[in-house]
PDB file of all heavy atoms in Angstrom:
ATOM      1  N   ASP A   1      99.914 105.918 138.112  1.00  0.00           N
ATOM      2  CA  ASP A   1     100.460 104.727 137.635  1.00  0.00           C
ATOM      3  C   ASP A   1     100.837 104.776 136.201  1.00  0.00           C
ATOM      4  O   ASP A   1     101.851 104.309 135.767  1.00  0.00           O
ATOM      5  CB  ASP A   1      99.591 103.476 137.797  1.00  0.00           C
ATOM      6  CG  ASP A   1      99.554 103.077 139.230  1.00  0.00           C
ATOM      7  OD1 ASP A   1     100.594 103.397 140.100  1.00  0.00           O
ATOM      8  OD2 ASP A   1      98.672 102.314 139.602  1.00  0.00           O
ATOM      9  N   THR A   2     100.092 105.518 135.326  1.00  0.00           N
ATOM     10  CA  THR A   2     100.421 105.829 133.940  1.00  0.00           C
ATOM     11  C   THR A   2     101.832 106.526 133.842  1.00  0.00           C
ATOM     12  O   THR A   2     102.690 106.253 133.117  1.00  0.00           O
ATOM     13  CB  THR A   2      99.336 106.467 133.167  1.00  0.00           C
ATOM     14  OG1 THR A   2      98.085 105.776 133.283  1.00  0.00           O
ATOM     15  CG2 THR A   2      99.633 106.811 131.734  1.00  0.00           C
ATOM     16  N   LYS A   3     101.905 107.539 134.676  1.00  0.00           N
ATOM     17  CA  LYS A   3     103.184 108.290 134.688  1.00  0.00           C
ATOM     18  C   LYS A   3     104.353 107.479 135.124  1.00  0.00           C
ATOM     19  O   LYS A   3     105.446 107.599 134.490  1.00  0.00           O
ATOM     20  CB  LYS A   3     103.097 109.553 135.692  1.00  0.00           C
ATOM     21  CG  LYS A   3     102.123 110.643 135.125  1.00  0.00           C
ATOM     22  CD  LYS A   3     102.013 111.814 136.152  1.00  0.00           C
ATOM     23  CE  LYS A   3     101.014 112.910 135.657  1.00  0.00           C
ATOM     24  NZ  LYS A   3     100.800 113.833 136.656  1.00  0.00           N
ATOM     25  N   ARG A   4     104.142 106.552 136.052  1.00  0.00           N
ATOM     26  CA  ARG A   4     105.164 105.680 136.518  1.00  0.00           C
ATOM     27  C   ARG A   4     105.614 104.750 135.514  1.00  0.00           C
ATOM     28  O   ARG A   4     106.768 104.479 135.228  1.00  0.00           O
ATOM     29  CB  ARG A   4     104.729 104.906 137.720  1.00  0.00           C
ATOM     30  CG  ARG A   4     104.613 105.653 139.107  1.00  0.00           C
ATOM     31  CD  ARG A   4     104.109 104.710 140.255  1.00  0.00           C
ATOM     32  NE  ARG A   4     103.968 105.640 141.387  1.00  0.00           N
ATOM     33  CZ  ARG A   4     102.674 105.857 141.980  1.00  0.00           C
ATOM     34  NH1 ARG A   4     101.637 105.398 141.324  1.00  0.00           N
ATOM     35  NH2 ARG A   4     102.566 106.676 142.962  1.00  0.00           N
ATOM     36  N   LEU A   5     104.584 104.156 134.659  1.00  0.00           N
ATOM     37  CA  LEU A   5     104.945 103.339 133.652  1.00  0.00           C
ATOM     38  C   LEU A   5     105.653 103.981 132.583  1.00  0.00           C
ATOM     39  O   LEU A   5     106.621 103.555 131.977  1.00  0.00           O
ATOM     40  CB  LEU A   5     103.561 102.750 133.141  1.00  0.00           C
ATOM     41  CG  LEU A   5     103.805 101.635 132.025  1.00  0.00           C
ATOM     42  CD1 LEU A   5     104.576 100.501 132.334  1.00  0.00           C
ATOM     43  CD2 LEU A   5     102.404 101.114 131.540  1.00  0.00           C
ATOM     44  N   PHE A   6     105.198 105.281 132.139  1.00  0.00           N
ATOM     45  CA  PHE A   6     105.927 105.960 131.111  1.00  0.00           C
ATOM     46  C   PHE A   6     107.367 106.354 131.446  1.00  0.00           C
ATOM     47  O   PHE A   6     108.261 106.216 130.602  1.00  0.00           O
ATOM     48  CB  PHE A   6     105.141 107.304 130.802  1.00  0.00           C
ATOM     49  CG  PHE A   6     103.888 107.242 130.037  1.00  0.00           C
ATOM     50  CD1 PHE A   6     103.496 105.968 129.547  1.00  0.00           C
ATOM     51  CD2 PHE A   6     103.123 108.296 129.674  1.00  0.00           C
ATOM     52  CE1 PHE A   6     102.271 105.873 128.808  1.00  0.00           C
ATOM     53  CE2 PHE A   6     101.935 108.218 128.902  1.00  0.00           C
ATOM     54  CZ  PHE A   6     101.597 106.914 128.473  1.00  0.00           C
ATOM     55  N   ARG A   7     107.593 106.760 132.802  1.00  0.00           N
ATOM     56  CA  ARG A   7     108.892 107.013 133.255  1.00  0.00           C
ATOM     57  C   ARG A   7     109.855 105.658 133.083  1.00  0.00           C
ATOM     58  O   ARG A   7     110.857 105.859 132.669  1.00  0.00           O
ATOM     59  CB  ARG A   7     108.932 107.425 134.707  1.00  0.00           C
ATOM     60  CG  ARG A   7     109.256 108.886 134.888  1.00  0.00           C
ATOM     61  CD  ARG A   7     109.458 109.173 136.375  1.00  0.00           C
ATOM     62  NE  ARG A   7     108.544 108.574 137.324  1.00  0.00           N
ATOM     63  CZ  ARG A   7     107.461 109.155 137.821  1.00  0.00           C
ATOM     64  NH1 ARG A   7     107.036 110.299 137.327  1.00  0.00           N
ATOM     65  NH2 ARG A   7     106.738 108.550 138.699  1.00  0.00           N
ATOM     66  N   ALA A   8     109.257 104.536 133.519  1.00  0.00           N
ATOM     67  CA  ALA A   8     110.054 103.334 133.428  1.00  0.00           C
ATOM     68  C   ALA A   8     110.247 103.051 131.936  1.00  0.00           C
ATOM     69  O   ALA A   8     111.473 102.551 131.594  1.00  0.00           O
ATOM     70  CB  ALA A   8     109.258 102.229 134.179  1.00  0.00           C
ATOM     71  N   LEU A   9     109.345 103.192 131.109  1.00  0.00           N
ATOM     72  CA  LEU A   9     109.528 102.840 129.665  1.00  0.00           C
ATOM     73  C   LEU A   9     110.496 103.792 129.017  1.00  0.00           C
ATOM     74  O   LEU A   9     111.293 103.390 128.315  1.00  0.00           O
ATOM     75  CB  LEU A   9     108.232 102.890 129.032  1.00  0.00           C
ATOM     76  CG  LEU A   9     108.093 102.309 127.584  1.00  0.00           C
ATOM     77  CD1 LEU A   9     108.624 100.890 127.568  1.00  0.00           C
ATOM     78  CD2 LEU A   9     106.672 102.260 127.134  1.00  0.00           C
ATOM     79  N   ASP A  10     110.411 105.001 129.455  1.00  0.00           N
ATOM     80  CA  ASP A  10     111.380 106.083 128.874  1.00  0.00           C
ATOM     81  C   ASP A  10     112.818 105.721 129.336  1.00  0.00           C
ATOM     82  O   ASP A  10     113.711 105.706 128.467  1.00  0.00           O
ATOM     83  CB  ASP A  10     111.162 107.528 129.362  1.00  0.00           C
ATOM     84  CG  ASP A  10     109.845 108.114 128.784  1.00  0.00           C
ATOM     85  OD1 ASP A  10     109.443 107.639 127.670  1.00  0.00           O
ATOM     86  OD2 ASP A  10     109.347 109.131 129.271  1.00  0.00           O
ATOM     87  N   GLU A  11     113.028 105.335 130.610  1.00  0.00           N
ATOM     88  CA  GLU A  11     114.352 104.938 131.005  1.00  0.00           C
ATOM     89  C   GLU A  11     114.884 103.699 130.243  1.00  0.00           C
ATOM     90  O   GLU A  11     115.989 103.606 129.887  1.00  0.00           O
ATOM     91  CB  GLU A  11     114.338 104.708 132.497  1.00  0.00           C
ATOM     92  CG  GLU A  11     114.105 105.913 133.359  1.00  0.00           C
ATOM     93  CD  GLU A  11     113.893 105.687 134.849  1.00  0.00           C
ATOM     94  OE1 GLU A  11     113.975 104.396 135.182  1.00  0.00           O
ATOM     95  OE2 GLU A  11     113.609 106.565 135.576  1.00  0.00           O
ATOM     96  N   GLY A  12     113.931 102.753 130.104  1.00  0.00           N
ATOM     97  CA  GLY A  12     114.250 101.492 129.458  1.00  0.00           C
ATOM     98  C   GLY A  12     114.636 101.753 127.937  1.00  0.00           C
ATOM     99  O   GLY A  12     115.579 101.224 127.480  1.00  0.00           O
ATOM    100  N   LEU A  13     113.870 102.486 127.324  1.00  0.00           N
ATOM    101  CA  LEU A  13     114.141 102.788 125.907  1.00  0.00           C
ATOM    102  C   LEU A  13     115.446 103.633 125.698  1.00  0.00           C
ATOM    103  O   LEU A  13     116.245 103.386 124.714  1.00  0.00           O
ATOM    104  CB  LEU A  13     112.978 103.388 125.167  1.00  0.00           C
ATOM    105  CG  LEU A  13     111.848 102.478 124.934  1.00  0.00           C
ATOM    106  CD1 LEU A  13     110.567 103.208 124.542  1.00  0.00           C
ATOM    107  CD2 LEU A  13     112.156 101.361 123.928  1.00  0.00           C
ATOM    108  N   GLU A  14     115.521 104.596 126.577  1.00  0.00           N
ATOM    109  CA  GLU A  14     116.844 105.549 126.534  1.00  0.00           C
ATOM    110  C   GLU A  14     117.982 104.651 126.697  1.00  0.00           C
ATOM    111  O   GLU A  14     119.090 104.832 126.090  1.00  0.00           O
ATOM    112  CB  GLU A  14     116.701 106.508 127.584  1.00  0.00           C
ATOM    113  CG  GLU A  14     117.889 107.576 127.554  1.00  0.00           C
ATOM    114  CD  GLU A  14     117.798 108.560 128.663  1.00  0.00           C
ATOM    115  OE1 GLU A  14     116.620 109.378 128.549  1.00  0.00           O
ATOM    116  OE2 GLU A  14     118.648 108.688 129.491  1.00  0.00           O
ATOM    117  N   ALA A  15     118.048 103.606 127.617  1.00  0.00           N
ATOM    118  CA  ALA A  15     119.126 102.764 127.877  1.00  0.00           C
ATOM    119  C   ALA A  15     119.502 101.973 126.689  1.00  0.00           C
ATOM    120  O   ALA A  15     120.618 101.520 126.563  1.00  0.00           O
ATOM    121  CB  ALA A  15     118.950 101.848 129.104  1.00  0.00           C
ATOM    122  N   ARG A  16     118.503 101.741 125.776  1.00  0.00           N
ATOM    123  CA  ARG A  16     118.699 100.996 124.610  1.00  0.00           C
ATOM    124  C   ARG A  16     119.005 101.906 123.378  1.00  0.00           C
ATOM    125  O   ARG A  16     119.068 101.324 122.284  1.00  0.00           O
ATOM    126  CB  ARG A  16     117.539 100.144 124.271  1.00  0.00           C
ATOM    127  CG  ARG A  16     117.451  98.982 125.208  1.00  0.00           C
ATOM    128  CD  ARG A  16     116.154  98.257 124.979  1.00  0.00           C
ATOM    129  NE  ARG A  16     116.139  96.993 125.806  1.00  0.00           N
ATOM    130  CZ  ARG A  16     116.070  96.774 127.079  1.00  0.00           C
ATOM    131  NH1 ARG A  16     116.048  97.805 127.812  1.00  0.00           N
ATOM    132  NH2 ARG A  16     116.084  95.553 127.589  1.00  0.00           N
ATOM    133  N   GLY A  17     119.190 103.143 123.633  1.00  0.00           N
ATOM    134  CA  GLY A  17     119.536 104.126 122.519  1.00  0.00           C
ATOM    135  C   GLY A  17     118.397 104.813 121.766  1.00  0.00           C
ATOM    136  O   GLY A  17     118.625 105.461 120.782  1.00  0.00           O
ATOM    137  N   TYR A  18     117.164 104.673 122.334  1.00  0.00           N
ATOM    138  CA  TYR A  18     116.095 105.350 121.585  1.00  0.00           C
ATOM    139  C   TYR A  18     115.753 106.752 122.319  1.00  0.00           C
ATOM    140  O   TYR A  18     116.050 106.894 123.525  1.00  0.00           O
ATOM    141  CB  TYR A  18     114.814 104.493 121.734  1.00  0.00           C
ATOM    142  CG  TYR A  18     114.956 103.171 121.006  1.00  0.00           C
ATOM    143  CD1 TYR A  18     115.405 102.047 121.603  1.00  0.00           C
ATOM    144  CD2 TYR A  18     114.652 103.082 119.685  1.00  0.00           C
ATOM    145  CE1 TYR A  18     115.539 100.880 120.923  1.00  0.00           C
ATOM    146  CE2 TYR A  18     114.811 101.949 118.917  1.00  0.00           C
ATOM    147  CZ  TYR A  18     115.294 100.786 119.596  1.00  0.00           C
ATOM    148  OH  TYR A  18     115.497  99.623 118.903  1.00  0.00           O
ATOM    149  N   THR A  19     115.260 107.688 121.589  1.00  0.00           N
ATOM    150  CA  THR A  19     115.014 109.002 122.009  1.00  0.00           C
ATOM    151  C   THR A  19     113.620 109.354 121.888  1.00  0.00           C
ATOM    152  O   THR A  19     112.896 109.124 120.906  1.00  0.00           O
ATOM    153  CB  THR A  19     115.856 109.999 121.169  1.00  0.00           C
ATOM    154  OG1 THR A  19     117.260 109.612 121.282  1.00  0.00           O
ATOM    155  CG2 THR A  19     115.818 111.405 121.857  1.00  0.00           C
ATOM    156  N   LEU A  20     113.111 109.980 122.950  1.00  0.00           N
ATOM    157  CA  LEU A  20     111.613 110.601 122.870  1.00  0.00           C
ATOM    158  C   LEU A  20     111.724 111.738 121.978  1.00  0.00           C
ATOM    159  O   LEU A  20     112.662 112.678 122.091  1.00  0.00           O
ATOM    160  CB  LEU A  20     111.197 111.035 124.267  1.00  0.00           C
ATOM    161  CG  LEU A  20     109.871 111.498 124.505  1.00  0.00           C
ATOM    162  CD1 LEU A  20     108.774 110.317 124.158  1.00  0.00           C
ATOM    163  CD2 LEU A  20     109.584 111.953 125.880  1.00  0.00           C
ATOM    164  N   SER A  21     110.801 111.936 121.049  1.00  0.00           N
ATOM    165  CA  SER A  21     110.809 112.945 120.029  1.00  0.00           C
ATOM    166  C   SER A  21     109.452 113.363 119.663  1.00  0.00           C
ATOM    167  O   SER A  21     108.433 112.667 119.783  1.00  0.00           O
ATOM    168  CB  SER A  21     111.560 112.425 118.780  1.00  0.00           C
ATOM    169  OG  SER A  21     111.447 113.342 117.679  1.00  0.00           O
ATOM    170  N   GLU A  22     109.336 114.655 119.248  1.00  0.00           N
ATOM    171  CA  GLU A  22     108.033 115.325 118.765  1.00  0.00           C
ATOM    172  C   GLU A  22     107.696 114.765 117.294  1.00  0.00           C
ATOM    173  O   GLU A  22     106.577 114.732 116.875  1.00  0.00           O
ATOM    174  CB  GLU A  22     108.150 116.768 118.844  1.00  0.00           C
ATOM    175  CG  GLU A  22     108.063 117.304 120.245  1.00  0.00           C
ATOM    176  CD  GLU A  22     106.733 116.911 121.018  1.00  0.00           C
ATOM    177  OE1 GLU A  22     105.628 116.977 120.387  1.00  0.00           O
ATOM    178  OE2 GLU A  22     106.851 116.613 122.097  1.00  0.00           O
ATOM    179  N   THR A  23     108.681 114.358 116.591  1.00  0.00           N
ATOM    180  CA  THR A  23     108.592 113.738 115.258  1.00  0.00           C
ATOM    181  C   THR A  23     109.147 112.325 115.279  1.00  0.00           C
ATOM    182  O   THR A  23     110.263 112.102 114.796  1.00  0.00           O
ATOM    183  CB  THR A  23     109.222 114.606 114.199  1.00  0.00           C
ATOM    184  OG1 THR A  23     110.619 114.759 114.513  1.00  0.00           O
ATOM    185  CG2 THR A  23     108.572 116.002 114.046  1.00  0.00           C
ATOM    186  N   PRO A  24     108.408 111.333 115.883  1.00  0.00           N
ATOM    187  CA  PRO A  24     108.942 109.981 116.134  1.00  0.00           C
ATOM    188  C   PRO A  24     109.021 109.197 114.855  1.00  0.00           C
ATOM    189  O   PRO A  24     108.209 109.351 114.000  1.00  0.00           O
ATOM    190  CB  PRO A  24     108.093 109.500 117.200  1.00  0.00           C
ATOM    191  CG  PRO A  24     106.760 110.129 116.949  1.00  0.00           C
ATOM    192  CD  PRO A  24     107.111 111.509 116.412  1.00  0.00           C
ATOM    193  N   ASP A  25     109.811 108.148 114.893  1.00  0.00           N
ATOM    194  CA  ASP A  25     109.749 107.044 113.903  1.00  0.00           C
ATOM    195  C   ASP A  25     108.652 106.077 114.284  1.00  0.00           C
ATOM    196  O   ASP A  25     108.213 105.416 113.344  1.00  0.00           O
ATOM    197  CB  ASP A  25     111.133 106.267 114.000  1.00  0.00           C
ATOM    198  CG  ASP A  25     112.292 107.129 113.622  1.00  0.00           C
ATOM    199  OD1 ASP A  25     112.185 108.138 112.822  1.00  0.00           O
ATOM    200  OD2 ASP A  25     113.467 106.909 114.179  1.00  0.00           O
ATOM    201  N   PHE A  26     108.233 105.984 115.442  1.00  0.00           N
ATOM    202  CA  PHE A  26     107.130 105.121 115.898  1.00  0.00           C
ATOM    203  C   PHE A  26     106.462 105.660 117.091  1.00  0.00           C
ATOM    204  O   PHE A  26     107.006 106.447 117.880  1.00  0.00           O
ATOM    205  CB  PHE A  26     107.611 103.660 116.059  1.00  0.00           C
ATOM    206  CG  PHE A  26     108.541 103.392 117.237  1.00  0.00           C
ATOM    207  CD1 PHE A  26     108.036 103.024 118.487  1.00  0.00           C
ATOM    208  CD2 PHE A  26     109.914 103.522 117.091  1.00  0.00           C
ATOM    209  CE1 PHE A  26     108.797 102.772 119.566  1.00  0.00           C
ATOM    210  CE2 PHE A  26     110.774 103.257 118.132  1.00  0.00           C
ATOM    211  CZ  PHE A  26     110.255 102.846 119.368  1.00  0.00           C
ATOM    212  N   PHE A  27     105.204 105.194 117.263  1.00  0.00           N
ATOM    213  CA  PHE A  27     104.435 105.544 118.381  1.00  0.00           C
ATOM    214  C   PHE A  27     104.102 104.335 119.253  1.00  0.00           C
ATOM    215  O   PHE A  27     104.220 103.283 118.761  1.00  0.00           O
ATOM    216  CB  PHE A  27     103.037 106.150 117.940  1.00  0.00           C
ATOM    217  CG  PHE A  27     103.016 107.501 117.356  1.00  0.00           C
ATOM    218  CD1 PHE A  27     103.204 107.594 116.072  1.00  0.00           C
ATOM    219  CD2 PHE A  27     103.015 108.524 118.136  1.00  0.00           C
ATOM    220  CE1 PHE A  27     103.247 108.964 115.476  1.00  0.00           C
ATOM    221  CE2 PHE A  27     103.065 109.976 117.628  1.00  0.00           C
ATOM    222  CZ  PHE A  27     103.176 110.044 116.281  1.00  0.00           C
ATOM    223  N   ILE A  28     103.910 104.697 120.559  1.00  0.00           N
ATOM    224  CA  ILE A  28     103.604 103.478 121.571  1.00  0.00           C
ATOM    225  C   ILE A  28     102.175 103.661 122.047  1.00  0.00           C
ATOM    226  O   ILE A  28     101.878 104.764 122.467  1.00  0.00           O
ATOM    227  CB  ILE A  28     104.553 103.714 122.652  1.00  0.00           C
ATOM    228  CG1 ILE A  28     106.068 103.518 122.125  1.00  0.00           C
ATOM    229  CG2 ILE A  28     104.288 102.636 123.742  1.00  0.00           C
ATOM    230  CD1 ILE A  28     107.145 103.661 123.198  1.00  0.00           C
ATOM    231  N   ASP A  29     101.547 102.588 122.032  1.00  0.00           N
ATOM    232  CA  ASP A  29     100.156 102.517 122.652  1.00  0.00           C
ATOM    233  C   ASP A  29     100.215 101.533 123.805  1.00  0.00           C
ATOM    234  O   ASP A  29     100.862 100.507 123.614  1.00  0.00           O
ATOM    235  CB  ASP A  29      99.129 102.148 121.573  1.00  0.00           C
ATOM    236  CG  ASP A  29      97.650 102.342 121.966  1.00  0.00           C
ATOM    237  OD1 ASP A  29      97.463 103.091 123.130  1.00  0.00           O
ATOM    238  OD2 ASP A  29      96.768 101.809 121.367  1.00  0.00           O
ATOM    239  N   ILE A  30      99.591 101.882 124.757  1.00  0.00           N
ATOM    240  CA  ILE A  30      99.568 101.026 126.027  1.00  0.00           C
ATOM    241  C   ILE A  30      98.085 100.828 126.529  1.00  0.00           C
ATOM    242  O   ILE A  30      97.316 101.783 126.570  1.00  0.00           O
ATOM    243  CB  ILE A  30     100.383 101.582 127.149  1.00  0.00           C
ATOM    244  CG1 ILE A  30     101.801 101.657 126.745  1.00  0.00           C
ATOM    245  CG2 ILE A  30     100.345 100.813 128.432  1.00  0.00           C
ATOM    246  CD1 ILE A  30     102.695 102.445 127.727  1.00  0.00           C
ATOM    247  N   LYS A  31      97.786  99.571 126.705  1.00  0.00           N
ATOM    248  CA  LYS A  31      96.373  99.254 127.285  1.00  0.00           C
ATOM    249  C   LYS A  31      96.544  98.248 128.408  1.00  0.00           C
ATOM    250  O   LYS A  31      97.487  97.402 128.266  1.00  0.00           O
ATOM    251  CB  LYS A  31      95.604  98.583 126.159  1.00  0.00           C
ATOM    252  CG  LYS A  31      95.323  99.354 124.928  1.00  0.00           C
ATOM    253  CD  LYS A  31      94.517  98.514 123.889  1.00  0.00           C
ATOM    254  CE  LYS A  31      94.641  99.204 122.641  1.00  0.00           C
ATOM    255  NZ  LYS A  31      95.489  98.501 121.580  1.00  0.00           N
ATOM    256  N   SER A  32      95.813  98.252 129.324  1.00  0.00           N
ATOM    257  CA  SER A  32      95.906  97.379 130.463  1.00  0.00           C
ATOM    258  C   SER A  32      94.453  96.873 130.926  1.00  0.00           C
ATOM    259  O   SER A  32      93.518  97.697 130.820  1.00  0.00           O
ATOM    260  CB  SER A  32      96.779  97.784 131.628  1.00  0.00           C
ATOM    261  OG  SER A  32      95.955  98.803 132.380  1.00  0.00           O
ATOM    262  N   VAL A  33      94.397  95.782 131.526  1.00  0.00           N
ATOM    263  CA  VAL A  33      93.124  95.286 132.140  1.00  0.00           C
ATOM    264  C   VAL A  33      93.498  94.473 133.452  1.00  0.00           C
ATOM    265  O   VAL A  33      94.593  93.846 133.518  1.00  0.00           O
ATOM    266  CB  VAL A  33      92.360  94.412 131.160  1.00  0.00           C
ATOM    267  CG1 VAL A  33      93.145  93.130 130.913  1.00  0.00           C
ATOM    268  CG2 VAL A  33      90.928  94.130 131.752  1.00  0.00           C
ATOM    269  N   GLU A  34      92.723  94.673 134.373  1.00  0.00           N
ATOM    270  CA  GLU A  34      92.842  93.985 135.660  1.00  0.00           C
ATOM    271  C   GLU A  34      92.026  92.742 135.669  1.00  0.00           C
ATOM    272  O   GLU A  34      90.868  92.748 135.020  1.00  0.00           O
ATOM    273  CB  GLU A  34      92.312  94.879 136.776  1.00  0.00           C
ATOM    274  CG  GLU A  34      92.647  94.547 138.204  1.00  0.00           C
ATOM    275  CD  GLU A  34      92.226  95.628 139.168  1.00  0.00           C
ATOM    276  OE1 GLU A  34      92.689  96.765 139.123  1.00  0.00           O
ATOM    277  OE2 GLU A  34      91.268  95.319 139.871  1.00  0.00           O
TER     278      GLU A  34
END
């Protein structure tokens, strides 16, 4: 599910013009609870 969420987030950010990078402008942290 983490991989599915990352894939969906990558697609969404890429559609908005953001690029996944080794030297990023910002980092993303994700937490969840049931």
